[in-house]
Amino acid sequence: MKDVHQKFPDLKSSQDTYTFSDGSQKDLLNIIGTIPVRHQGSSYNIPIRIWILDSHPFGPPLCFLRPTSKMVIRVGKHVDTRGRIYLPYLQHWSHVRNQNPQHRSGLISKEIRKARKRWHKI
């Protein structure tokens, strides 16, 4: 977590209750804040929330956009109606690959750059 906080100082961690699609609930670690995204020469702070499941680090986290009252989520290939984010990095999660902290924060940056076009529509 330290490497992620150093790279993205606006992200804060806490424990909260997550409600699964089947209605069950569980107290989980979550990371909430904004990540900077550059698009067409402008910088945008995209509000996100990342839930760390009990299966972590073997399973991927659940990542969501957290739109403000002035934002609208546009559903697409990588974002659903609840704001859940589906990116290749999450779909092809590898525990071994994600053990290196430098690799983790570098991949977060890489995925943010790849997602610029998808998130700027918010």
N, C-alpha and C. Protein backbone atom coordinates (compact mmCIF):
# COMPACT_ATOMS: atom_id res chain seq x y z
N MET A 1 0.82 -1.19 0.00
CA MET A 1 0.00 0.00 0.00
C MET A 1 0.87 1.26 0.00
N LYS A 2 2.01 1.17 0.65
CA LYS A 2 2.87 2.34 0.75
C LYS A 2 3.27 2.87 -0.63
N ASP A 3 3.61 1.96 -1.54
CA ASP A 3 4.03 2.38 -2.88
C ASP A 3 2.87 3.05 -3.63
N VAL A 4 1.66 2.55 -3.45
CA VAL A 4 0.50 3.15 -4.11
C VAL A 4 0.24 4.54 -3.53
N HIS A 5 0.34 4.69 -2.21
CA HIS A 5 0.12 5.99 -1.57
C HIS A 5 1.18 7.00 -1.99
N GLN A 6 2.41 6.53 -2.20
CA GLN A 6 3.46 7.44 -2.65
C GLN A 6 3.18 7.92 -4.07
N LYS A 7 2.72 7.05 -4.93
CA LYS A 7 2.45 7.40 -6.32
C LYS A 7 1.15 8.20 -6.45
N PHE A 8 0.15 7.88 -5.63
CA PHE A 8 -1.15 8.55 -5.67
C PHE A 8 -1.51 9.01 -4.26
N PRO A 9 -0.96 10.14 -3.80
CA PRO A 9 -1.15 10.57 -2.41
C PRO A 9 -2.59 10.88 -2.03
N ASP A 10 -3.47 11.10 -2.99
CA ASP A 10 -4.86 11.40 -2.66
C ASP A 10 -5.64 10.15 -2.26
N LEU A 11 -5.11 8.97 -2.53
CA LEU A 11 -5.82 7.73 -2.19
C LEU A 11 -5.64 7.43 -0.71
N LYS A 12 -6.76 7.16 -0.03
CA LYS A 12 -6.76 6.85 1.40
C LYS A 12 -7.41 5.49 1.60
N SER A 13 -6.95 4.75 2.59
CA SER A 13 -7.53 3.44 2.86
C SER A 13 -8.34 3.47 4.14
N SER A 14 -9.37 2.63 4.17
CA SER A 14 -10.22 2.49 5.34
C SER A 14 -10.95 1.16 5.24
N GLN A 15 -11.75 0.85 6.25
CA GLN A 15 -12.57 -0.36 6.20
C GLN A 15 -14.02 0.08 6.13
N ASP A 16 -14.79 -0.60 5.27
CA ASP A 16 -16.19 -0.26 5.09
C ASP A 16 -16.93 -1.53 4.67
N THR A 17 -18.24 -1.44 4.61
CA THR A 17 -19.05 -2.59 4.25
C THR A 17 -19.35 -2.58 2.76
N TYR A 18 -19.02 -3.66 2.09
CA TYR A 18 -19.29 -3.82 0.65
C TYR A 18 -20.51 -4.73 0.50
N THR A 19 -21.42 -4.34 -0.39
CA THR A 19 -22.59 -5.16 -0.68
C THR A 19 -22.40 -5.84 -2.03
N PHE A 20 -22.40 -7.15 -2.03
CA PHE A 20 -22.23 -7.93 -3.25
C PHE A 20 -23.55 -7.96 -4.03
N SER A 21 -23.49 -8.40 -5.28
CA SER A 21 -24.67 -8.42 -6.15
C SER A 21 -25.77 -9.33 -5.62
N ASP A 22 -25.42 -10.32 -4.80
CA ASP A 22 -26.43 -11.22 -4.23
C ASP A 22 -27.05 -10.67 -2.93
N GLY A 23 -26.63 -9.46 -2.55
CA GLY A 23 -27.17 -8.82 -1.35
C GLY A 23 -26.36 -9.08 -0.09
N SER A 24 -25.43 -10.03 -0.12
CA SER A 24 -24.61 -10.30 1.06
C SER A 24 -23.64 -9.14 1.26
N GLN A 25 -23.21 -8.96 2.50
CA GLN A 25 -22.32 -7.86 2.84
C GLN A 25 -21.09 -8.37 3.58
N LYS A 26 -20.01 -7.61 3.46
CA LYS A 26 -18.77 -7.99 4.13
C LYS A 26 -17.95 -6.72 4.38
N ASP A 27 -17.33 -6.65 5.56
CA ASP A 27 -16.42 -5.55 5.84
C ASP A 27 -15.11 -5.81 5.12
N LEU A 28 -14.71 -4.86 4.29
CA LEU A 28 -13.50 -5.01 3.48
C LEU A 28 -12.65 -3.74 3.54
N LEU A 29 -11.37 -3.93 3.30
CA LEU A 29 -10.47 -2.80 3.11
C LEU A 29 -10.83 -2.14 1.79
N ASN A 30 -10.86 -0.81 1.77
CA ASN A 30 -11.08 -0.13 0.49
C ASN A 30 -10.16 1.07 0.40
N ILE A 31 -9.89 1.46 -0.82
CA ILE A 31 -9.03 2.60 -1.12
C ILE A 31 -9.90 3.57 -1.90
N ILE A 32 -9.94 4.81 -1.45
CA ILE A 32 -10.83 5.79 -2.05
C ILE A 32 -10.07 7.10 -2.29
N GLY A 33 -10.40 7.78 -3.36
CA GLY A 33 -9.77 9.05 -3.67
C GLY A 33 -9.84 9.33 -5.16
N THR A 34 -8.94 10.18 -5.62
CA THR A 34 -8.91 10.50 -7.04
C THR A 34 -7.57 10.13 -7.64
N ILE A 35 -7.60 9.82 -8.92
CA ILE A 35 -6.38 9.55 -9.66
C ILE A 35 -6.31 10.55 -10.81
N PRO A 36 -5.14 11.10 -11.06
CA PRO A 36 -5.01 12.08 -12.15
C PRO A 36 -4.97 11.37 -13.51
N VAL A 37 -5.75 11.88 -14.44
CA VAL A 37 -5.79 11.34 -15.79
C VAL A 37 -5.64 12.50 -16.75
N ARG A 38 -4.68 12.41 -17.65
CA ARG A 38 -4.51 13.46 -18.67
C ARG A 38 -5.20 13.01 -19.94
N HIS A 39 -5.93 13.96 -20.54
CA HIS A 39 -6.62 13.67 -21.79
C HIS A 39 -6.69 14.95 -22.61
N GLN A 40 -6.21 14.86 -23.84
CA GLN A 40 -6.23 15.98 -24.78
C GLN A 40 -5.69 17.26 -24.17
N GLY A 41 -4.56 17.14 -23.47
CA GLY A 41 -3.88 18.29 -22.92
C GLY A 41 -4.43 18.80 -21.59
N SER A 42 -5.49 18.21 -21.09
CA SER A 42 -6.06 18.62 -19.81
C SER A 42 -5.89 17.50 -18.79
N SER A 43 -5.87 17.87 -17.52
CA SER A 43 -5.76 16.89 -16.45
C SER A 43 -7.08 16.83 -15.71
N TYR A 44 -7.53 15.61 -15.44
CA TYR A 44 -8.78 15.38 -14.72
C TYR A 44 -8.49 14.50 -13.52
N ASN A 45 -9.11 14.80 -12.40
CA ASN A 45 -9.00 13.95 -11.21
C ASN A 45 -10.23 13.06 -11.17
N ILE A 46 -10.03 11.78 -11.47
CA ILE A 46 -11.12 10.83 -11.56
C ILE A 46 -11.34 10.17 -10.19
N PRO A 47 -12.53 10.32 -9.61
CA PRO A 47 -12.80 9.70 -8.32
C PRO A 47 -13.03 8.19 -8.45
N ILE A 48 -12.30 7.43 -7.64
CA ILE A 48 -12.40 5.97 -7.70
C ILE A 48 -12.52 5.38 -6.30
N ARG A 49 -12.94 4.13 -6.27
CA ARG A 49 -12.94 3.34 -5.03
C ARG A 49 -12.51 1.94 -5.40
N ILE A 50 -11.56 1.40 -4.65
CA ILE A 50 -11.03 0.06 -4.88
C ILE A 50 -11.29 -0.77 -3.63
N TRP A 51 -11.99 -1.89 -3.81
CA TRP A 51 -12.28 -2.80 -2.71
C TRP A 51 -11.30 -3.98 -2.76
N ILE A 52 -10.66 -4.26 -1.63
CA ILE A 52 -9.71 -5.37 -1.54
C ILE A 52 -10.45 -6.57 -0.92
N LEU A 53 -10.63 -7.62 -1.71
CA LEU A 53 -11.35 -8.81 -1.27
C LEU A 53 -10.48 -9.69 -0.37
N ASP A 54 -11.13 -10.59 0.35
CA ASP A 54 -10.41 -11.54 1.21
C ASP A 54 -9.44 -12.41 0.41
N SER A 55 -9.75 -12.62 -0.84
CA SER A 55 -8.90 -13.46 -1.70
C SER A 55 -7.63 -12.76 -2.17
N HIS A 56 -7.50 -11.48 -1.87
CA HIS A 56 -6.30 -10.72 -2.28
C HIS A 56 -5.09 -11.27 -1.52
N PRO A 57 -3.97 -11.43 -2.11
CA PRO A 57 -3.55 -10.96 -3.43
C PRO A 57 -3.78 -11.96 -4.57
N PHE A 58 -4.42 -13.08 -4.25
CA PHE A 58 -4.62 -14.08 -5.30
C PHE A 58 -5.72 -13.69 -6.28
N GLY A 59 -6.68 -12.92 -5.81
CA GLY A 59 -7.76 -12.43 -6.66
C GLY A 59 -7.67 -10.92 -6.81
N PRO A 60 -8.19 -10.38 -7.91
CA PRO A 60 -8.08 -8.94 -8.17
C PRO A 60 -9.01 -8.13 -7.27
N PRO A 61 -8.69 -6.86 -7.08
CA PRO A 61 -9.61 -5.99 -6.34
C PRO A 61 -10.82 -5.64 -7.22
N LEU A 62 -11.86 -5.11 -6.59
CA LEU A 62 -13.02 -4.60 -7.32
C LEU A 62 -12.83 -3.09 -7.43
N CYS A 63 -12.83 -2.58 -8.64
CA CYS A 63 -12.56 -1.16 -8.87
C CYS A 63 -13.80 -0.46 -9.44
N PHE A 64 -14.09 0.71 -8.90
CA PHE A 64 -15.27 1.46 -9.30
C PHE A 64 -14.95 2.93 -9.51
N LEU A 65 -15.64 3.54 -10.46
CA LEU A 65 -15.66 4.98 -10.57
C LEU A 65 -16.62 5.48 -9.50
N ARG A 66 -16.33 6.62 -8.91
CA ARG A 66 -17.20 7.23 -7.91
C ARG A 66 -17.60 8.62 -8.40
N PRO A 67 -18.58 8.71 -9.24
CA PRO A 67 -18.90 10.02 -9.82
C PRO A 67 -19.43 11.00 -8.78
N THR A 68 -19.07 12.26 -8.96
CA THR A 68 -19.63 13.31 -8.13
C THR A 68 -21.05 13.58 -8.62
N SER A 69 -21.76 14.47 -7.97
CA SER A 69 -23.14 14.78 -8.37
C SER A 69 -23.20 15.43 -9.75
N LYS A 70 -22.08 15.98 -10.22
CA LYS A 70 -22.04 16.64 -11.53
C LYS A 70 -21.54 15.71 -12.63
N MET A 71 -21.25 14.47 -12.29
CA MET A 71 -20.72 13.51 -13.25
C MET A 71 -21.76 12.45 -13.58
N VAL A 72 -21.61 11.88 -14.77
CA VAL A 72 -22.48 10.80 -15.20
C VAL A 72 -21.58 9.66 -15.67
N ILE A 73 -21.93 8.44 -15.29
CA ILE A 73 -21.18 7.28 -15.76
C ILE A 73 -21.73 6.89 -17.12
N ARG A 74 -20.86 6.81 -18.08
CA ARG A 74 -21.24 6.34 -19.41
C ARG A 74 -20.83 4.88 -19.52
N VAL A 75 -21.79 4.03 -19.63
CA VAL A 75 -21.55 2.59 -19.71
C VAL A 75 -20.83 2.27 -21.01
N GLY A 76 -19.89 1.36 -20.93
CA GLY A 76 -19.14 0.95 -22.11
C GLY A 76 -18.47 -0.39 -21.88
N LYS A 77 -17.54 -0.69 -22.73
CA LYS A 77 -16.83 -1.97 -22.68
C LYS A 77 -16.12 -2.19 -21.33
N HIS A 78 -15.63 -1.10 -20.73
CA HIS A 78 -14.82 -1.24 -19.53
C HIS A 78 -15.46 -0.65 -18.27
N VAL A 79 -16.70 -0.16 -18.37
CA VAL A 79 -17.40 0.40 -17.21
C VAL A 79 -18.87 0.00 -17.29
N ASP A 80 -19.40 -0.55 -16.16
CA ASP A 80 -20.81 -0.94 -16.16
C ASP A 80 -21.68 0.14 -15.51
N THR A 81 -22.98 -0.12 -15.38
CA THR A 81 -23.92 0.88 -14.87
C THR A 81 -23.64 1.28 -13.42
N ARG A 82 -23.01 0.40 -12.65
CA ARG A 82 -22.67 0.73 -11.26
C ARG A 82 -21.32 1.44 -11.16
N GLY A 83 -20.66 1.62 -12.29
CA GLY A 83 -19.35 2.26 -12.28
C GLY A 83 -18.20 1.29 -12.09
N ARG A 84 -18.51 0.01 -12.08
CA ARG A 84 -17.43 -0.99 -11.92
C ARG A 84 -16.55 -0.96 -13.16
N ILE A 85 -15.25 -1.01 -12.91
CA ILE A 85 -14.24 -0.90 -13.97
C ILE A 85 -13.75 -2.30 -14.33
N TYR A 86 -13.74 -2.59 -15.62
CA TYR A 86 -13.24 -3.86 -16.14
C TYR A 86 -12.10 -3.56 -17.10
N LEU A 87 -10.86 -3.69 -16.64
CA LEU A 87 -9.69 -3.45 -17.47
C LEU A 87 -8.90 -4.75 -17.61
N PRO A 88 -8.14 -4.88 -18.70
CA PRO A 88 -7.34 -6.10 -18.89
C PRO A 88 -6.48 -6.47 -17.70
N TYR A 89 -5.89 -5.48 -17.04
CA TYR A 89 -5.04 -5.73 -15.87
C TYR A 89 -5.81 -6.48 -14.79
N LEU A 90 -7.08 -6.14 -14.60
CA LEU A 90 -7.90 -6.80 -13.59
C LEU A 90 -8.40 -8.15 -14.07
N GLN A 91 -8.74 -8.24 -15.34
CA GLN A 91 -9.25 -9.49 -15.90
C GLN A 91 -8.19 -10.58 -15.98
N HIS A 92 -6.93 -10.16 -16.11
CA HIS A 92 -5.82 -11.11 -16.25
C HIS A 92 -4.90 -11.01 -15.03
N TRP A 93 -5.50 -10.90 -13.86
CA TRP A 93 -4.78 -10.73 -12.60
C TRP A 93 -3.83 -11.90 -12.37
N SER A 94 -2.63 -11.58 -11.90
CA SER A 94 -1.64 -12.61 -11.58
C SER A 94 -1.00 -12.28 -10.24
N HIS A 95 -1.19 -13.14 -9.26
CA HIS A 95 -0.60 -12.94 -7.94
C HIS A 95 0.92 -12.78 -8.02
N VAL A 96 1.57 -13.64 -8.75
CA VAL A 96 3.03 -13.60 -8.86
C VAL A 96 3.48 -12.28 -9.46
N ARG A 97 2.83 -11.84 -10.53
CA ARG A 97 3.19 -10.60 -11.21
C ARG A 97 3.00 -9.40 -10.28
N ASN A 98 2.01 -9.45 -9.40
CA ASN A 98 1.66 -8.31 -8.58
C ASN A 98 2.38 -8.26 -7.23
N GLN A 99 3.33 -9.15 -6.98
CA GLN A 99 4.06 -9.13 -5.71
C GLN A 99 5.05 -7.99 -5.65
N ASN A 100 5.60 -7.54 -6.76
CA ASN A 100 6.60 -6.49 -6.79
C ASN A 100 5.91 -5.12 -6.69
N PRO A 101 6.18 -4.34 -5.60
CA PRO A 101 5.52 -3.05 -5.42
C PRO A 101 5.75 -2.08 -6.58
N GLN A 102 6.96 -2.05 -7.14
CA GLN A 102 7.24 -1.15 -8.26
C GLN A 102 6.40 -1.55 -9.47
N HIS A 103 6.26 -2.83 -9.68
CA HIS A 103 5.45 -3.33 -10.79
C HIS A 103 3.98 -2.93 -10.61
N ARG A 104 3.48 -3.05 -9.36
CA ARG A 104 2.10 -2.71 -9.05
C ARG A 104 1.79 -1.26 -9.36
N SER A 105 2.58 -0.33 -8.83
CA SER A 105 2.29 1.08 -9.06
C SER A 105 2.52 1.45 -10.51
N GLY A 106 3.49 0.81 -11.17
CA GLY A 106 3.71 1.06 -12.59
C GLY A 106 2.55 0.58 -13.43
N LEU A 107 1.98 -0.57 -13.08
CA LEU A 107 0.82 -1.09 -13.81
C LEU A 107 -0.41 -0.23 -13.58
N ILE A 108 -0.56 0.30 -12.37
CA ILE A 108 -1.68 1.20 -12.12
C ILE A 108 -1.57 2.40 -13.04
N SER A 109 -0.39 2.98 -13.14
CA SER A 109 -0.19 4.13 -14.04
C SER A 109 -0.45 3.75 -15.49
N LYS A 110 0.03 2.58 -15.89
CA LYS A 110 -0.16 2.12 -17.27
C LYS A 110 -1.65 1.96 -17.58
N GLU A 111 -2.41 1.34 -16.68
CA GLU A 111 -3.83 1.14 -16.90
C GLU A 111 -4.58 2.46 -16.91
N ILE A 112 -4.15 3.41 -16.08
CA ILE A 112 -4.78 4.72 -16.09
C ILE A 112 -4.58 5.38 -17.44
N ARG A 113 -3.37 5.31 -17.97
CA ARG A 113 -3.12 5.89 -19.30
C ARG A 113 -3.95 5.20 -20.36
N LYS A 114 -4.07 3.88 -20.29
CA LYS A 114 -4.86 3.14 -21.28
C LYS A 114 -6.34 3.50 -21.18
N ALA A 115 -6.79 3.84 -19.98
CA ALA A 115 -8.21 4.10 -19.76
C ALA A 115 -8.62 5.55 -20.01
N ARG A 116 -7.69 6.42 -20.32
CA ARG A 116 -8.01 7.84 -20.51
C ARG A 116 -9.22 8.07 -21.39
N LYS A 117 -9.23 7.44 -22.54
CA LYS A 117 -10.33 7.66 -23.49
C LYS A 117 -11.65 7.17 -22.94
N ARG A 118 -11.61 6.14 -22.12
CA ARG A 118 -12.85 5.60 -21.57
C ARG A 118 -13.37 6.47 -20.44
N TRP A 119 -12.46 7.03 -19.62
CA TRP A 119 -12.89 7.78 -18.45
C TRP A 119 -13.20 9.23 -18.76
N HIS A 120 -12.64 9.78 -19.81
CA HIS A 120 -12.84 11.22 -20.05
C HIS A 120 -14.29 11.53 -20.39
N LYS A 121 -15.08 10.52 -20.71
CA LYS A 121 -16.46 10.72 -21.07
C LYS A 121 -17.34 10.95 -19.86
N ILE A 122 -16.77 10.85 -18.69
CA ILE A 122 -17.57 10.99 -17.48
C ILE A 122 -17.89 12.46 -17.26
